[in-house]
N, C-alpha and C. Protein backbone atom coordinates (compact mmCIF):
# COMPACT_ATOMS: atom_id res chain seq x y z
N UNK A 1 103.20 106.99 85.66
CA UNK A 1 102.69 107.50 84.14
C UNK A 1 101.03 107.53 83.70
N UNK A 2 100.03 108.05 83.90
CA UNK A 2 98.70 107.27 83.35
C UNK A 2 98.88 107.71 81.55
N UNK A 3 97.60 106.85 81.10
CA UNK A 3 97.80 106.88 79.94
C UNK A 3 96.77 108.03 79.07
N UNK A 4 96.47 108.14 78.03
CA UNK A 4 95.45 109.19 77.58
C UNK A 4 94.31 108.28 77.91
N UNK A 5 93.21 109.66 78.13
CA UNK A 5 92.21 109.52 78.54
C UNK A 5 91.04 110.20 77.67
N UNK A 6 90.19 109.65 77.08
CA UNK A 6 89.51 110.36 75.94
C UNK A 6 87.90 110.40 76.29
N UNK A 7 87.18 110.86 76.43
CA UNK A 7 85.92 110.59 76.86
C UNK A 7 85.14 110.91 75.21
N UNK A 8 84.03 109.75 75.38
CA UNK A 8 83.14 109.90 74.27
C UNK A 8 82.07 110.96 73.98
N UNK A 9 81.06 111.27 72.98
CA UNK A 9 80.53 112.26 73.06
C UNK A 9 79.48 111.46 72.65
N UNK A 10 79.57 110.59 72.52
CA UNK A 10 78.04 109.03 72.67
C UNK A 10 76.99 108.71 73.35
N UNK A 11 75.97 109.66 73.07
CA UNK A 11 75.27 109.32 74.26
C UNK A 11 74.15 108.25 74.30
N UNK A 12 73.70 107.65 73.21
CA UNK A 12 72.89 106.09 73.52
C UNK A 12 73.14 105.16 72.86
N UNK A 13 72.80 104.24 72.00
CA UNK A 13 73.47 102.84 72.16
C UNK A 13 74.73 103.04 71.23
N UNK A 14 76.06 102.23 71.33
CA UNK A 14 76.96 101.90 71.01
C UNK A 14 77.30 100.22 69.78
N UNK A 15 77.28 99.78 69.24
CA UNK A 15 76.89 98.90 68.62
C UNK A 15 78.50 98.48 68.27
N UNK A 16 79.26 97.64 68.04
CA UNK A 16 80.84 97.26 68.02
C UNK A 16 81.10 98.03 66.49
N UNK A 17 80.78 97.86 65.69
CA UNK A 17 81.22 98.69 64.59
C UNK A 17 81.60 100.21 64.92
N UNK A 18 80.43 100.80 65.94
CA UNK A 18 81.38 102.23 65.73
C UNK A 18 82.41 102.08 66.93
N UNK A 19 82.61 101.67 68.05
CA UNK A 19 83.82 100.99 68.57
C UNK A 19 84.77 100.94 67.65
N UNK A 20 84.96 100.11 66.88
CA UNK A 20 86.24 99.80 65.88
C UNK A 20 86.40 100.47 65.58
N UNK A 21 85.26 102.21 64.98
CA UNK A 21 85.97 103.21 64.39
C UNK A 21 86.75 103.96 65.10
N UNK A 22 86.16 103.75 66.14
CA UNK A 22 87.25 104.56 67.92
C UNK A 22 88.62 104.23 67.87
N UNK A 23 88.83 103.31 67.15
CA UNK A 23 90.46 102.95 67.24
C UNK A 23 91.44 104.10 66.65
N UNK A 24 91.15 104.48 65.59
CA UNK A 24 92.25 106.00 65.09
C UNK A 24 92.76 106.60 66.31
N UNK A 25 91.40 106.78 66.92
CA UNK A 25 91.52 107.64 68.28
C UNK A 25 92.77 107.65 68.91
N UNK A 26 92.57 105.87 69.54
CA UNK A 26 93.54 105.17 70.28
C UNK A 26 95.11 104.62 69.92
N UNK A 27 94.83 104.14 68.91
CA UNK A 27 96.02 104.30 68.34
C UNK A 27 97.51 105.68 67.84
N UNK A 28 96.19 107.06 67.70
CA UNK A 28 96.83 108.45 68.26
C UNK A 28 97.50 108.39 68.83
N UNK A 29 97.69 107.89 70.47
CA UNK A 29 98.05 107.90 71.46
C UNK A 29 99.94 107.70 71.75
N UNK A 30 100.68 108.51 72.30
CA UNK A 30 102.07 107.90 72.18
C UNK A 30 102.12 106.51 73.40
N UNK A 31 101.68 106.86 74.26
CA UNK A 31 101.15 105.58 75.55
C UNK A 31 101.55 104.55 75.19
N UNK A 32 101.36 104.16 76.33
CA UNK A 32 101.16 102.57 75.63
C UNK A 32 99.81 101.72 76.20
N UNK A 33 99.47 102.94 76.65
CA UNK A 33 98.37 102.58 77.02
C UNK A 33 96.58 103.69 76.91
N UNK A 34 95.48 103.94 76.45
CA UNK A 34 94.79 104.73 76.43
C UNK A 34 93.76 103.84 75.98
N UNK A 35 92.53 104.93 76.70
CA UNK A 35 90.86 104.74 76.72
C UNK A 35 89.93 105.43 76.51
N UNK A 36 88.73 105.08 76.23
CA UNK A 36 87.81 105.77 75.73
C UNK A 36 86.45 105.46 76.24
N UNK A 37 85.74 106.50 77.76
CA UNK A 37 85.20 106.39 78.47
C UNK A 37 83.78 106.59 77.51
N UNK A 38 83.33 105.48 77.97
CA UNK A 38 81.63 105.34 77.96
C UNK A 38 80.50 106.05 79.07
N UNK A 39 81.09 106.39 80.25
CA UNK A 39 80.24 107.18 81.08
C UNK A 39 80.63 108.47 81.63
N UNK A 40 79.79 108.85 81.54
CA UNK A 40 79.37 110.94 82.44
C UNK A 40 81.02 110.93 82.75
N UNK A 41 80.73 110.52 84.35
CA UNK A 41 81.96 110.84 85.08
C UNK A 41 82.69 109.56 86.44
N UNK A 42 83.85 110.01 87.06
CA UNK A 42 83.93 108.81 87.82
C UNK A 42 83.09 108.97 88.71
N UNK A 43 82.19 109.49 88.99
CA UNK A 43 80.72 109.45 90.28
C UNK A 43 79.40 107.65 89.43
N UNK A 44 79.67 107.63 88.04
CA UNK A 44 78.72 107.10 87.83
C UNK A 44 78.35 105.37 87.85
N UNK A 45 77.50 105.04 88.65
CA UNK A 45 77.20 103.71 88.82
C UNK A 45 78.69 102.10 87.96
N UNK A 46 78.09 102.63 86.72
CA UNK A 46 78.80 101.78 85.99
C UNK A 46 79.71 102.39 85.35
N UNK A 47 80.57 102.04 84.74
CA UNK A 47 81.59 102.65 84.20
C UNK A 47 82.31 101.19 82.70
N UNK A 48 81.93 102.14 81.68
CA UNK A 48 82.49 101.39 80.42
C UNK A 48 83.67 102.51 79.41
N UNK A 49 84.77 101.56 78.96
CA UNK A 49 85.94 101.74 78.95
C UNK A 49 86.26 101.24 77.17
N UNK A 50 86.58 101.86 76.73
CA UNK A 50 87.17 101.21 76.08
C UNK A 50 88.73 101.39 75.54
N UNK A 51 89.43 100.21 75.80
CA UNK A 51 90.75 100.21 75.86
C UNK A 51 91.82 99.78 75.02
N UNK A 52 93.15 100.39 75.29
CA UNK A 52 93.90 100.32 74.28
C UNK A 52 95.35 100.26 74.80
N UNK A 53 95.65 99.08 74.99
CA UNK A 53 96.96 98.65 75.44
C UNK A 53 98.27 98.44 74.48
N UNK A 54 99.40 98.53 74.16
CA UNK A 54 100.20 98.94 73.20
C UNK A 54 101.62 97.20 73.45
N UNK A 55 101.77 96.56 72.62
CA UNK A 55 102.86 95.89 73.20
C UNK A 55 103.61 96.29 74.47
N UNK A 56 103.99 95.05 74.61
CA UNK A 56 105.12 95.72 76.04
C UNK A 56 104.78 96.27 77.13
N UNK A 57 103.22 96.73 77.17
CA UNK A 57 102.52 97.23 78.16
C UNK A 57 102.23 95.99 79.95
N UNK A 58 102.91 96.34 80.41
CA UNK A 58 102.62 95.93 81.89
C UNK A 58 102.07 96.68 82.74
N UNK A 59 101.07 96.42 83.37
CA UNK A 59 100.94 97.55 84.63
C UNK A 59 100.64 96.89 86.07
N UNK A 60 100.81 97.44 86.91
CA UNK A 60 101.44 96.70 88.00
C UNK A 60 100.32 96.18 88.93
N UNK A 61 100.71 95.22 89.48
CA UNK A 61 99.30 94.30 90.25
C UNK A 61 98.05 95.39 90.95
N UNK A 62 97.44 95.31 91.20
CA UNK A 62 96.82 96.43 91.60
C UNK A 62 95.28 95.24 92.18
N UNK A 63 94.21 96.01 93.24
CA UNK A 63 93.31 95.26 93.36
C UNK A 63 92.29 96.30 94.19
N UNK A 64 90.99 95.71 93.80
CA UNK A 64 90.26 97.14 95.16
C UNK A 64 89.84 96.44 95.43
N UNK A 65 89.76 97.61 96.72
CA UNK A 65 88.79 98.03 98.73
C UNK A 65 87.65 97.15 98.27
N UNK A 66 87.03 97.70 97.19
CA UNK A 66 85.29 97.57 96.96
C UNK A 66 84.76 96.37 96.14
N UNK A 67 85.42 94.98 96.05
CA UNK A 67 85.65 93.79 95.76
C UNK A 67 84.58 94.37 94.05
N UNK A 68 85.37 95.41 94.13
CA UNK A 68 84.44 95.54 92.09
C UNK A 68 84.46 94.63 91.48
N UNK A 69 83.06 94.50 90.69
CA UNK A 69 82.67 92.91 89.46
C UNK A 69 83.28 93.74 88.26
N UNK A 70 84.34 93.37 87.88
CA UNK A 70 84.45 93.83 86.55
C UNK A 70 84.43 92.56 85.39
N UNK A 71 84.35 93.38 84.27
CA UNK A 71 84.33 92.18 83.05
C UNK A 71 84.77 92.76 81.92
N UNK A 72 86.03 91.96 80.97
CA UNK A 72 86.84 92.36 80.01
C UNK A 72 85.97 91.99 78.82
N UNK A 73 85.98 92.05 77.97
CA UNK A 73 85.77 91.62 76.49
C UNK A 73 86.45 92.17 75.15
N UNK A 74 87.35 91.24 74.94
CA UNK A 74 88.46 91.11 73.74
C UNK A 74 87.71 91.73 71.72
N UNK A 75 88.07 92.53 72.07
CA UNK A 75 87.79 93.09 70.40
C UNK A 75 88.58 92.53 69.76
N UNK A 76 90.29 92.58 70.19
CA UNK A 76 90.89 92.79 69.61
C UNK A 76 92.47 92.55 69.66
N UNK A 77 93.43 91.84 69.66
CA UNK A 77 95.04 91.25 69.91
C UNK A 77 94.50 90.27 71.41
N UNK A 78 95.77 90.45 72.01
CA UNK A 78 95.74 89.09 73.01
C UNK A 78 96.76 89.94 73.83
N UNK A 79 96.83 89.44 75.20
CA UNK A 79 97.62 89.78 76.27
C UNK A 79 97.00 88.62 77.32
N UNK A 80 97.82 88.89 78.62
CA UNK A 80 97.80 87.33 79.35
C UNK A 80 97.46 88.45 80.90
N UNK A 81 96.15 88.01 81.66
CA UNK A 81 95.90 88.49 83.35
C UNK A 81 96.55 87.40 84.02
N UNK A 82 97.01 87.92 84.67
CA UNK A 82 98.14 87.56 85.80
C UNK A 82 97.65 87.56 86.79
N UNK A 83 97.61 86.89 87.85
CA UNK A 83 97.22 87.07 89.06
C UNK A 83 97.94 86.86 89.91
N UNK A 84 98.24 87.07 90.98
CA UNK A 84 98.61 86.98 91.95
C UNK A 84 98.81 86.99 93.54
N UNK A 85 99.60 86.21 94.34
CA UNK A 85 99.30 85.92 95.96
C UNK A 85 99.86 87.59 96.74
N UNK A 86 99.91 87.59 97.65
CA UNK A 86 100.18 89.38 98.53
C UNK A 86 102.12 89.23 98.46
N UNK A 87 102.96 87.95 98.45
CA UNK A 87 103.75 87.08 97.91
C UNK A 87 104.45 87.62 97.16
N UNK A 88 103.65 87.92 95.71
CA UNK A 88 103.65 88.72 94.74
C UNK A 88 104.50 87.44 93.67
N UNK A 89 103.73 86.15 93.32
CA UNK A 89 104.23 85.54 93.22
C UNK A 89 102.70 84.52 92.27
N UNK A 90 102.87 84.82 91.38
CA UNK A 90 101.89 84.35 89.94
C UNK A 90 100.97 83.32 90.88
N UNK A 91 99.77 83.13 90.33
CA UNK A 91 98.64 82.18 90.78
C UNK A 91 97.88 81.81 89.89
N UNK A 92 97.61 82.87 88.92
CA UNK A 92 96.78 81.88 87.89
C UNK A 92 97.28 82.79 86.19
N UNK A 93 96.87 82.67 85.31
CA UNK A 93 98.02 83.47 84.36
C UNK A 93 96.64 82.84 82.85
N UNK A 94 95.67 83.82 83.04
CA UNK A 94 94.83 83.44 81.73
C UNK A 94 95.19 84.25 80.62
N UNK A 95 95.05 83.52 79.09
CA UNK A 95 95.32 83.90 77.77
C UNK A 95 94.16 85.46 77.08
N UNK A 96 94.31 85.98 77.21
CA UNK A 96 92.88 86.64 76.93
C UNK A 96 92.56 87.27 75.32
N UNK A 97 92.48 86.78 74.60
CA UNK A 97 91.99 87.36 73.04
C UNK A 97 90.96 86.66 72.27
N UNK A 98 90.36 87.01 71.11
CA UNK A 98 89.07 86.69 70.84
C UNK A 98 88.95 85.32 70.82
N UNK A 99 89.82 83.77 70.78
CA UNK A 99 89.48 82.67 71.07
C UNK A 99 88.70 82.47 72.45
N UNK A 100 89.16 83.65 73.83
CA UNK A 100 89.12 83.09 75.21
C UNK A 100 88.62 84.87 75.33
N UNK A 101 87.86 85.23 75.01
CA UNK A 101 87.16 86.80 74.83
C UNK A 101 86.42 87.79 76.06
N UNK A 102 86.62 86.66 76.72
CA UNK A 102 85.46 86.90 77.84
C UNK A 102 85.96 86.79 79.34
N UNK A 103 86.65 87.72 80.07
CA UNK A 103 87.23 87.82 81.95
C UNK A 103 86.25 88.12 82.71
N UNK A 104 85.65 87.33 84.01
CA UNK A 104 84.85 87.73 84.63
C UNK A 104 85.40 87.96 86.00
N UNK A 105 85.70 88.91 86.72
CA UNK A 105 86.57 88.07 88.16
C UNK A 105 85.68 89.60 89.28
N UNK A 106 85.89 89.19 90.60
CA UNK A 106 85.54 90.35 91.76
C UNK A 106 86.82 90.83 92.21
N UNK A 107 87.41 91.88 91.25
CA UNK A 107 89.07 92.54 91.18
C UNK A 107 89.42 92.56 93.09
N UNK A 108 88.58 92.68 93.92
CA UNK A 108 88.96 92.56 95.50
C UNK A 108 89.37 91.21 96.38
N UNK A 109 89.17 90.45 95.17
CA UNK A 109 90.21 88.86 95.92
C UNK A 109 91.57 89.03 95.27
N UNK A 110 92.14 88.89 94.38
CA UNK A 110 93.80 88.96 93.52
C UNK A 110 94.15 90.44 93.02
N UNK A 111 95.24 90.05 93.66
CA UNK A 111 95.64 91.10 92.36
C UNK A 111 96.00 91.03 91.33
N UNK A 112 95.98 92.05 90.62
CA UNK A 112 96.00 91.35 89.25
C UNK A 112 96.93 92.58 88.12
N UNK A 113 97.45 91.80 86.85
CA UNK A 113 97.71 93.00 85.69
C UNK A 113 97.35 92.15 84.94
N UNK A 114 98.22 92.95 83.31
CA UNK A 114 97.46 92.28 82.49
C UNK A 114 99.34 92.64 81.78
N UNK A 115 99.28 91.49 80.45
CA UNK A 115 100.73 91.71 80.37
C UNK A 115 100.38 91.58 78.76
N UNK A 116 101.02 92.66 78.01
CA UNK A 116 100.34 92.23 76.44
C UNK A 116 101.40 91.25 75.75
N UNK A 117 101.14 90.94 74.85
CA UNK A 117 102.19 89.77 73.61
C UNK A 117 101.83 90.42 72.15
N UNK A 118 100.59 90.88 72.14
CA UNK A 118 100.44 91.45 70.57
C UNK A 118 100.76 92.91 70.24
N UNK A 119 100.51 92.41 69.12
CA UNK A 119 101.19 94.69 68.89
C UNK A 119 100.19 95.60 69.79
N UNK A 120 98.99 95.20 69.78
CA UNK A 120 98.34 95.56 71.43
C UNK A 120 97.10 94.90 71.15
N UNK A 121 96.31 95.62 72.47
CA UNK A 121 94.71 94.25 72.75
C UNK A 121 94.38 95.49 72.46
N UNK A 122 92.85 95.52 72.15
CA UNK A 122 91.63 96.56 72.56
C UNK A 122 90.74 95.48 72.57
N UNK A 123 90.02 96.44 74.03
CA UNK A 123 88.59 95.43 74.56
C UNK A 123 88.00 96.48 75.45
N UNK A 124 87.22 95.86 75.95
CA UNK A 124 86.34 96.56 76.30
C UNK A 124 86.32 96.59 78.02
N UNK A 125 86.28 97.09 78.88
CA UNK A 125 85.98 97.31 80.67
C UNK A 125 85.04 97.37 80.84
N UNK A 126 83.99 96.39 81.50
CA UNK A 126 82.87 97.47 82.58
C UNK A 126 82.68 97.16 83.40
N UNK A 127 83.03 97.98 84.51
CA UNK A 127 83.11 98.03 86.19
C UNK A 127 82.28 98.74 87.21
N UNK A 128 82.20 98.18 88.04
CA UNK A 128 80.50 98.86 88.51
C UNK A 128 81.07 100.22 89.40
N UNK A 129 80.54 101.12 89.85
CA UNK A 129 82.10 102.67 90.15
C UNK A 129 80.40 103.27 91.75
N UNK A 130 81.27 104.16 91.98
CA UNK A 130 81.97 104.98 91.38
C UNK A 130 83.37 104.83 91.51
N UNK A 131 84.48 105.55 90.92
CA UNK A 131 85.48 105.21 90.74
C UNK A 131 85.83 106.27 91.63
N UNK A 132 86.98 105.78 93.06
CA UNK A 132 88.22 106.23 93.75
C UNK A 132 89.51 105.52 93.84
N UNK A 133 90.26 106.40 93.25
CA UNK A 133 91.62 106.14 93.86
C UNK A 133 92.23 105.63 94.49
N UNK A 134 90.99 106.13 95.52
CA UNK A 134 91.86 106.07 97.59
C UNK A 134 91.84 104.18 97.78
N UNK A 135 90.83 103.93 97.07
CA UNK A 135 90.21 102.40 96.83
C UNK A 135 91.03 101.18 96.19
N UNK A 136 92.45 102.41 95.32
CA UNK A 136 93.02 100.92 95.01
C UNK A 136 93.91 100.98 95.96
N UNK A 137 94.38 99.11 95.60
CA UNK A 137 95.65 99.14 96.47
C UNK A 137 96.99 98.39 95.52
N UNK A 138 98.14 98.56 95.58
CA UNK A 138 99.14 98.31 94.56
C UNK A 138 99.75 97.24 95.38
N UNK A 139 99.92 96.02 94.87
CA UNK A 139 100.70 95.04 95.10
C UNK A 139 102.26 95.86 95.55
N UNK A 140 102.85 96.90 94.80
CA UNK A 140 104.19 97.44 95.10
C UNK A 140 104.44 97.74 96.89
N UNK A 141 102.57 98.38 96.61
CA UNK A 141 102.82 99.10 98.10
C UNK A 141 102.37 98.11 99.67
N UNK A 142 102.22 97.13 98.95
CA UNK A 142 101.74 95.97 100.12
C UNK A 142 102.83 95.75 100.52
N UNK A 143 103.12 94.67 99.58
CA UNK A 143 104.84 94.37 99.73
C UNK A 143 106.31 95.03 98.60
N UNK A 144 106.79 95.59 99.72
CA UNK A 144 107.90 96.48 99.52
C UNK A 144 108.40 95.78 98.81
N UNK A 145 108.71 94.51 98.74
CA UNK A 145 110.04 93.63 97.94
C UNK A 145 109.20 93.95 96.40
N UNK A 146 107.95 93.96 96.46
CA UNK A 146 108.23 93.81 95.29
C UNK A 146 107.83 95.15 94.46
N UNK A 147 109.15 95.08 93.30
CA UNK A 147 108.80 95.86 91.72
C UNK A 147 108.28 96.65 91.33
N UNK A 148 108.30 97.67 91.27
CA UNK A 148 106.94 98.56 89.99
C UNK A 148 107.30 98.32 88.61
N UNK A 149 105.78 97.04 88.03
CA UNK A 149 106.25 96.60 86.52
C UNK A 149 105.84 97.65 85.26
N UNK A 150 105.06 99.03 86.21
CA UNK A 150 104.37 99.52 84.93
C UNK A 150 105.55 100.28 84.17
N UNK A 151 104.86 99.83 82.66
CA UNK A 151 105.65 100.40 82.05
C UNK A 151 105.32 101.46 80.67
N UNK A 152 104.04 102.45 81.24
CA UNK A 152 102.72 102.93 80.53
C UNK A 152 104.09 103.84 80.61
N UNK A 153 105.04 104.70 79.45
CA UNK A 153 105.34 105.55 79.74
C UNK A 153 105.65 106.06 77.79
């Protein structure tokens, strides 16, 4: 099940102070993940999202057929980015927090997910668009022995 999604009515310049005010919207969500979208729609060439994952959130490892470039910038909290090979083994684990606030990678190279260790993690995700769900490849679909890890309930 997907988390809550909210569209922002912000039209022009966004500063960190304004982003932090929007945390109240994300905190109201009962889901383990929620996001505010700052792009117009899924066809936009650039997608900017403010995302909050709550403690215990673990997403299913995935990658994108289109080799999308992704940038993550941590605002608050911490989590791990786990990168997997096709067998489902973690090949790299990166701690993501204010001390290590920037992660930049090509989404098509390895499967990845996030696992939250703090009360919550709040970050900006910037990715090239447009978004097409059919381009997402989940490890559980490629390797039938790999179980679903999704905790977004």
